[in-house]
Amino acid sequence: MTQMMNAAVVRGFGQPLSFDEIPVPAPGPNEVLVKIMASGICHTDLHAANGDWPVKPTPPFVPGHEGAGIVARVGAGVTHLKEGDAVGIAWLHDACGRCEHCITGWETLCESQNMSGYTVNGSFAEYAIGHADYVARLPDKVDFMSIAPILCAGITTYKGLKETETKPGEWVAISGVGGLGHVAIQYAKAMGLHVAALDVMPDKLALAHDLGADVAINAAEDTAVEQVIDETRGGAHGVLVTAVSVPAFNQALSLVRRRGTIALNGLPPGDFKTPIFDVVLKRLTIRGSIVGTRKDMEEAIAFAADGQVRPHIHETRLDRVNDVFAELEAGKVDGRMVIRMS
């Protein structure tokens, strides 16, 4: 097996990623080495490379947390995985397994967790390390390019939709039809929900229609809120905000009906105002939702394996990551950019 591999590396915040040859990592106890076949490019990778968030990664590091591939080597103590198994490396690299959050099924809130492509090297490389207990098991004969976005965009929006507590036959408004939102529409329809999609780009609104949204509305129009309220006959029962946009967060509070729930997936920098009067009198619920648990992942993958959810992908190469980041910043990516690694 080769000792070196190609990788995209963040050497400094706000700088273009460098494309280097670095050593192939060796799996430690309870770890597996994964040969990456495909890796989705998430907006979070851009935030990581720019150091946008209060808790920052430490350069140099390899981004990427939608890595689909094959187990190339297993570390000591790994008995439930073997070489050749198809697995995915997701955002939640591992958690402590002992804290109150882990033992109550909320491992994504563990304060001792590691995040792929953030606190540990990720999947913008030919090989990456995964924790054997946290890698996702993928179906046999899986299409690695199509399944890669499910490992973040899929599980994140699926969990977010569950957090809205909407029921089959009810309305959910999905704000943002990008890498997350276009998958969210498909999950929502598969879950029996009516969908009102919002975005500011005509091509993304057209994509929303193609993916089954019952109505697609330009969020920048002065009457956008009124259109949603009219179409849903009183406002959406739930709102999922995937847009990396503070105005979208503000608008969400006007889209939801009384006793509705707003789940926030997007992570733009900044703050947004919360109208106390409306939240109290309308009994609104506002909650954050960050990825999902291993059980959520299993369910999210099952929808994709059954063909009910299929990401709209554009194939790219590892050496084009900087170009893709520029396109993400400009809002020009419809669907998900996916690196074909092998």
Protein backbone atom coordinates (compact mmCIF):
# COMPACT_ATOMS: atom_id res chain seq x y z
CA MET A 1 0.00 0.00 0.00
CA THR A 2 1.23 3.48 -0.86
CA GLN A 3 2.71 5.53 1.98
CA MET A 4 1.73 8.96 0.63
CA MET A 5 -1.54 10.45 -0.54
CA ASN A 6 -2.94 13.59 -2.15
CA ALA A 7 -4.92 15.92 0.07
CA ALA A 8 -6.36 19.43 0.17
CA VAL A 9 -5.00 21.20 3.24
CA VAL A 10 -5.98 24.36 5.10
CA ARG A 11 -2.70 26.01 6.07
CA GLY A 12 -4.16 29.35 7.17
CA PHE A 13 -7.65 30.79 7.61
CA GLY A 14 -8.94 32.65 4.59
CA GLN A 15 -6.16 31.35 2.39
CA PRO A 16 -6.59 29.07 -0.65
CA LEU A 17 -6.26 25.41 0.22
CA SER A 18 -2.95 23.84 -0.77
CA PHE A 19 -2.80 20.53 -2.61
CA ASP A 20 -0.11 18.46 -0.96
CA GLU A 21 1.24 14.98 -0.78
CA ILE A 22 1.06 13.89 2.86
CA PRO A 23 1.53 10.57 4.67
CA VAL A 24 -1.32 8.06 4.67
CA PRO A 25 -2.49 7.87 8.31
CA ALA A 26 -2.39 4.58 10.23
CA PRO A 27 -5.55 3.49 12.07
CA GLY A 28 -5.21 3.27 15.83
CA PRO A 29 -7.28 1.13 18.21
CA ASN A 30 -11.00 1.16 17.30
CA GLU A 31 -10.26 3.03 14.08
CA VAL A 32 -10.43 2.18 10.40
CA LEU A 33 -8.54 3.59 7.45
CA VAL A 34 -10.98 4.45 4.67
CA LYS A 35 -10.05 4.75 1.02
CA ILE A 36 -12.16 7.73 -0.04
CA MET A 37 -14.07 7.16 -3.26
CA ALA A 38 -16.13 10.37 -3.15
CA SER A 39 -16.45 13.39 -0.89
CA GLY A 40 -19.18 16.01 -0.89
CA ILE A 41 -18.27 19.66 -0.39
CA CYS A 42 -20.33 21.31 2.34
CA HIS A 43 -20.68 24.98 3.24
CA THR A 44 -19.30 23.98 6.64
CA ASP A 45 -16.00 23.13 4.94
CA LEU A 46 -15.84 26.72 3.74
CA HIS A 47 -16.59 28.01 7.25
CA ALA A 48 -13.83 25.77 8.59
CA ALA A 49 -11.31 27.00 6.04
CA ASN A 50 -12.17 30.62 6.84
CA GLY A 51 -12.20 30.15 10.62
CA ASP A 52 -15.68 31.70 10.74
CA TRP A 53 -16.98 30.15 13.94
CA PRO A 54 -16.19 30.96 17.58
CA VAL A 55 -14.61 27.52 18.15
CA LYS A 56 -12.04 27.25 15.38
CA PRO A 57 -10.09 24.30 13.98
CA THR A 58 -6.31 24.35 14.19
CA PRO A 59 -4.39 24.61 10.89
CA PRO A 60 -2.98 22.72 9.18
CA PHE A 61 -5.91 20.34 8.71
CA VAL A 62 -7.75 18.46 5.97
CA PRO A 63 -11.43 19.46 5.63
CA GLY A 64 -14.27 17.21 4.50
CA HIS A 65 -17.03 15.28 6.29
CA GLU A 66 -19.02 13.65 3.52
CA GLY A 67 -16.50 10.93 2.72
CA ALA A 68 -17.81 7.71 1.20
CA GLY A 69 -15.40 4.88 0.61
CA ILE A 70 -14.08 1.43 1.43
CA VAL A 71 -12.33 0.16 4.54
CA ALA A 72 -8.68 -0.28 3.58
CA ARG A 73 -7.30 -1.31 6.97
CA VAL A 74 -8.69 -1.95 10.44
CA GLY A 75 -7.08 -1.00 13.72
CA ALA A 76 -6.71 -3.07 16.88
CA GLY A 77 -9.96 -4.10 18.53
CA VAL A 78 -12.16 -3.65 15.45
CA THR A 79 -14.25 -6.77 14.95
CA HIS A 80 -17.47 -5.58 13.28
CA LEU A 81 -15.82 -4.09 10.20
CA LYS A 82 -13.45 -5.63 7.69
CA GLU A 83 -11.43 -4.58 4.69
CA GLY A 84 -13.67 -3.96 1.71
CA ASP A 85 -16.73 -2.80 3.68
CA ALA A 86 -18.44 0.31 2.29
CA VAL A 87 -18.59 3.04 4.93
CA GLY A 88 -19.06 6.77 5.29
CA ILE A 89 -17.18 9.36 7.35
CA ALA A 90 -19.60 11.98 8.63
CA TRP A 91 -19.33 15.18 10.68
CA LEU A 92 -19.57 13.34 14.01
CA HIS A 93 -16.25 11.54 14.04
CA ASP A 94 -16.68 10.22 17.58
CA ALA A 95 -18.07 11.10 21.00
CA CYS A 96 -17.22 10.09 24.55
CA GLY A 97 -20.12 7.64 24.92
CA ARG A 98 -20.37 8.32 28.67
CA CYS A 99 -21.80 11.81 29.22
CA GLU A 100 -25.47 12.61 29.82
CA HIS A 101 -25.93 13.49 26.17
CA CYS A 102 -24.37 10.32 24.80
CA ILE A 103 -26.26 7.97 27.11
CA THR A 104 -29.60 9.64 26.36
CA GLY A 105 -29.29 9.41 22.57
CA TRP A 106 -27.96 12.93 21.98
CA GLU A 107 -24.35 12.11 21.13
CA THR A 108 -24.28 15.08 18.73
CA LEU A 109 -24.29 17.35 21.81
CA CYS A 110 -21.34 15.64 23.49
CA GLU A 111 -18.87 18.27 24.66
CA SER A 112 -15.97 15.88 24.04
CA GLN A 113 -16.87 14.98 20.47
CA ASN A 114 -14.51 15.15 17.51
CA MET A 115 -15.66 16.49 14.15
CA SER A 116 -14.38 15.19 10.84
CA GLY A 117 -12.56 17.82 8.83
CA TYR A 118 -12.54 20.13 11.84
CA THR A 119 -10.92 18.69 14.96
CA VAL A 120 -9.55 15.66 13.08
CA ASN A 121 -8.51 15.41 9.44
CA GLY A 122 -11.33 14.78 7.03
CA SER A 123 -12.17 13.40 3.62
CA PHE A 124 -10.59 15.87 1.16
CA ALA A 125 -7.89 13.25 0.73
CA GLU A 126 -7.34 9.86 -0.81
CA TYR A 127 -7.53 8.22 2.64
CA ALA A 128 -9.05 9.25 5.97
CA ILE A 129 -9.39 7.82 9.46
CA GLY A 130 -12.81 6.95 10.81
CA HIS A 131 -13.82 5.75 14.26
CA ALA A 132 -15.09 2.20 13.80
CA ASP A 133 -18.14 2.78 16.03
CA TYR A 134 -19.17 5.99 14.26
CA VAL A 135 -18.62 5.41 10.55
CA ALA A 136 -21.86 4.90 8.64
CA ARG A 137 -22.53 1.49 7.14
CA LEU A 138 -23.39 1.90 3.46
CA PRO A 139 -25.45 -0.44 1.25
CA ASP A 140 -23.80 -3.04 -0.94
CA LYS A 141 -22.97 -1.85 -4.47
CA VAL A 142 -23.56 1.73 -3.35
CA ASP A 143 -23.09 4.67 -5.71
CA PHE A 144 -20.42 6.52 -3.72
CA MET A 145 -20.94 9.80 -5.58
CA SER A 146 -24.66 9.92 -4.81
CA ILE A 147 -24.46 8.66 -1.24
CA ALA A 148 -21.69 11.06 -0.12
CA PRO A 149 -24.00 14.09 0.39
CA ILE A 150 -26.34 11.98 2.51
CA LEU A 151 -23.58 11.80 5.14
CA CYS A 152 -24.10 15.48 6.01
CA ALA A 153 -26.71 17.21 3.86
CA GLY A 154 -28.96 14.17 4.16
CA ILE A 155 -28.71 13.43 7.86
CA THR A 156 -28.70 17.14 8.79
CA THR A 157 -31.92 17.96 6.97
CA TYR A 158 -33.63 14.67 7.86
CA LYS A 159 -32.95 15.35 11.54
CA GLY A 160 -33.98 18.99 11.10
CA LEU A 161 -37.30 17.95 9.61
CA LYS A 162 -37.90 15.59 12.53
CA GLU A 163 -37.17 18.51 14.85
CA THR A 164 -39.95 20.57 13.26
CA GLU A 165 -42.36 17.91 14.55
CA THR A 166 -44.46 18.20 11.40
CA LYS A 167 -46.76 15.29 10.62
CA PRO A 168 -47.79 13.71 7.31
CA GLY A 169 -50.24 15.97 5.53
CA GLU A 170 -48.92 19.14 7.21
CA TRP A 171 -46.88 21.93 5.66
CA VAL A 172 -43.18 22.55 6.09
CA ALA A 173 -41.45 25.63 4.69
CA ILE A 174 -37.87 24.96 3.63
CA SER A 175 -35.79 28.12 3.39
CA GLY A 176 -32.81 27.72 1.07
CA VAL A 177 -32.62 25.26 -1.84
CA GLY A 178 -28.88 24.68 -1.82
CA GLY A 179 -26.81 21.66 -0.85
CA LEU A 180 -29.00 21.00 2.19
CA GLY A 181 -32.34 22.38 1.08
CA HIS A 182 -32.65 20.41 -2.15
CA VAL A 183 -32.21 17.18 -0.17
CA ALA A 184 -34.60 18.41 2.54
CA ILE A 185 -37.36 18.79 -0.05
CA GLN A 186 -37.00 15.15 -1.02
CA TYR A 187 -36.97 13.92 2.58
CA ALA A 188 -40.02 16.03 3.38
CA LYS A 189 -41.99 14.58 0.47
CA ALA A 190 -40.89 11.05 1.40
CA MET A 191 -42.14 11.76 4.95
CA GLY A 192 -45.57 12.74 3.63
CA LEU A 193 -45.26 16.50 4.07
CA HIS A 194 -46.40 19.36 1.86
CA VAL A 195 -43.47 21.61 0.96
CA ALA A 196 -43.19 25.35 0.43
CA ALA A 197 -39.64 26.03 -0.78
CA LEU A 198 -38.02 29.47 -0.60
CA ASP A 199 -34.90 30.79 -2.27
CA VAL A 200 -33.76 33.94 -4.06
CA MET A 201 -32.31 32.26 -7.17
CA PRO A 202 -34.64 31.35 -10.07
CA ASP A 203 -32.65 28.22 -10.97
CA LYS A 204 -32.92 26.93 -7.41
CA LEU A 205 -36.66 27.57 -7.35
CA ALA A 206 -36.95 25.62 -10.60
CA LEU A 207 -34.96 22.79 -9.01
CA ALA A 208 -37.31 22.85 -6.02
CA HIS A 209 -40.28 22.32 -8.36
CA ASP A 210 -38.46 19.49 -10.13
CA LEU A 211 -37.80 17.78 -6.79
CA GLY A 212 -41.45 17.83 -5.78
CA ALA A 213 -42.00 21.05 -3.83
CA ASP A 214 -45.70 21.93 -3.85
CA VAL A 215 -44.87 25.60 -4.19
CA ALA A 216 -41.62 27.51 -4.73
CA ILE A 217 -41.46 31.17 -3.71
CA ASN A 218 -38.84 33.85 -4.22
CA ALA A 219 -37.87 34.80 -0.65
CA ALA A 220 -36.75 38.27 -1.79
CA GLU A 221 -40.21 39.29 -2.99
CA ASP A 222 -42.10 41.71 -0.76
CA THR A 223 -45.07 39.34 -0.70
CA ALA A 224 -43.09 36.14 0.02
CA VAL A 225 -44.47 35.74 3.55
CA GLU A 226 -48.02 36.43 2.40
CA GLN A 227 -47.64 33.86 -0.37
CA VAL A 228 -46.57 31.18 2.10
CA ILE A 229 -49.38 32.01 4.51
CA ASP A 230 -51.89 31.89 1.65
CA GLU A 231 -50.59 28.64 0.15
CA THR A 232 -50.45 26.90 3.53
CA ARG A 233 -53.75 28.39 4.74
CA GLY A 234 -52.35 30.07 7.80
CA GLY A 235 -48.61 29.47 7.79
CA ALA A 236 -46.37 26.43 7.79
CA HIS A 237 -46.65 23.95 10.65
CA GLY A 238 -42.88 23.75 10.63
CA VAL A 239 -40.02 25.73 9.11
CA LEU A 240 -36.57 24.38 8.32
CA VAL A 241 -33.95 27.05 7.67
CA THR A 242 -31.03 25.67 5.67
CA ALA A 243 -30.00 28.99 4.12
CA VAL A 244 -26.69 30.50 5.23
CA SER A 245 -28.43 33.86 5.53
CA VAL A 246 -29.42 35.96 8.55
CA PRO A 247 -32.41 37.47 6.67
CA ALA A 248 -33.72 33.92 6.16
CA PHE A 249 -33.64 33.40 9.94
CA ASN A 250 -35.60 36.61 10.46
CA GLN A 251 -38.13 35.69 7.78
CA ALA A 252 -38.71 32.22 9.23
CA LEU A 253 -40.49 33.70 12.25
CA SER A 254 -43.14 35.12 9.93
CA LEU A 255 -43.67 31.93 7.94
CA VAL A 256 -44.78 29.67 10.79
CA ARG A 257 -48.32 29.33 12.07
CA ARG A 258 -49.38 29.44 15.71
CA ARG A 259 -47.96 26.52 17.72
CA GLY A 260 -45.44 25.89 14.97
CA THR A 261 -41.79 24.93 15.24
CA ILE A 262 -38.76 26.45 13.52
CA ALA A 263 -35.64 24.31 13.19
CA LEU A 264 -32.40 26.04 12.26
CA ASN A 265 -29.78 24.18 10.20
CA GLY A 266 -27.92 27.05 8.57
CA LEU A 267 -24.94 28.57 10.36
CA PRO A 268 -24.30 32.09 9.09
CA PRO A 269 -22.19 34.35 11.28
CA GLY A 270 -24.10 36.97 13.23
CA ASP A 271 -27.31 37.30 15.24
CA PHE A 272 -30.99 37.59 14.46
CA LYS A 273 -33.77 39.30 16.35
CA THR A 274 -36.51 37.27 18.01
CA PRO A 275 -39.88 39.03 18.47
CA ILE A 276 -40.76 38.12 22.04
CA PHE A 277 -44.42 39.07 21.66
CA ASP A 278 -44.97 36.69 18.71
CA VAL A 279 -43.02 33.83 20.25
CA VAL A 280 -44.97 34.03 23.50
CA LEU A 281 -48.48 34.69 22.20
CA LYS A 282 -48.28 32.28 19.27
CA ARG A 283 -46.55 29.56 21.32
CA LEU A 284 -43.73 29.26 18.83
CA THR A 285 -40.78 26.92 19.25
CA ILE A 286 -37.34 27.83 17.92
CA ARG A 287 -34.62 25.22 18.08
CA GLY A 288 -31.23 24.58 16.61
CA SER A 289 -30.50 21.27 14.92
CA ILE A 290 -26.97 20.11 14.15
CA VAL A 291 -26.57 16.89 12.11
CA GLY A 292 -27.97 13.71 13.67
CA THR A 293 -27.15 10.59 15.61
CA ARG A 294 -26.00 7.25 14.24
CA LYS A 295 -29.63 6.09 14.32
CA ASP A 296 -30.70 9.16 12.35
CA MET A 297 -27.93 8.34 9.87
CA GLU A 298 -29.20 4.80 9.44
CA GLU A 299 -32.69 6.12 8.69
CA ALA A 300 -31.44 8.84 6.35
CA ILE A 301 -29.39 6.32 4.36
CA ALA A 302 -32.39 3.99 4.14
CA PHE A 303 -34.45 6.66 2.33
CA ALA A 304 -31.61 7.11 -0.16
CA ALA A 305 -31.08 3.37 -0.59
CA ASP A 306 -34.78 3.00 -1.44
CA GLY A 307 -34.47 5.69 -4.11
CA GLN A 308 -36.75 8.17 -2.36
CA VAL A 309 -33.93 10.69 -1.93
CA ARG A 310 -31.25 11.30 -4.53
CA PRO A 311 -28.96 14.31 -4.22
CA HIS A 312 -28.60 16.57 -7.23
CA ILE A 313 -24.85 16.40 -7.68
CA HIS A 314 -22.14 17.94 -9.83
CA GLU A 315 -18.90 16.03 -10.15
CA THR A 316 -15.65 17.84 -9.51
CA ARG A 317 -11.99 17.14 -8.76
CA LEU A 318 -9.93 17.60 -5.62
CA ASP A 319 -7.79 20.28 -7.25
CA ARG A 320 -10.91 22.40 -7.91
CA VAL A 321 -11.90 22.79 -4.26
CA ASN A 322 -10.89 26.46 -4.14
CA ASP A 323 -13.02 27.19 -7.20
CA VAL A 324 -15.97 25.40 -5.62
CA PHE A 325 -15.53 27.41 -2.43
CA ALA A 326 -15.75 30.61 -4.49
CA GLU A 327 -18.93 29.33 -6.15
CA LEU A 328 -20.43 28.48 -2.74
CA GLU A 329 -19.67 31.97 -1.45
CA ALA A 330 -21.38 33.44 -4.51
CA GLY A 331 -24.43 31.19 -4.08
CA LYS A 332 -23.92 29.65 -7.51
CA VAL A 333 -24.07 25.98 -6.55
CA ASP A 334 -27.40 24.24 -7.08
CA GLY A 335 -27.40 20.87 -5.34
CA ARG A 336 -24.11 19.43 -4.14
CA MET A 337 -20.58 19.47 -5.53
CA VAL A 338 -18.96 16.06 -5.05
CA ILE A 339 -15.30 15.20 -5.50
CA ARG A 340 -14.63 11.96 -7.34
CA MET A 341 -11.56 10.61 -5.60
CA SER A 342 -11.26 7.21 -7.23
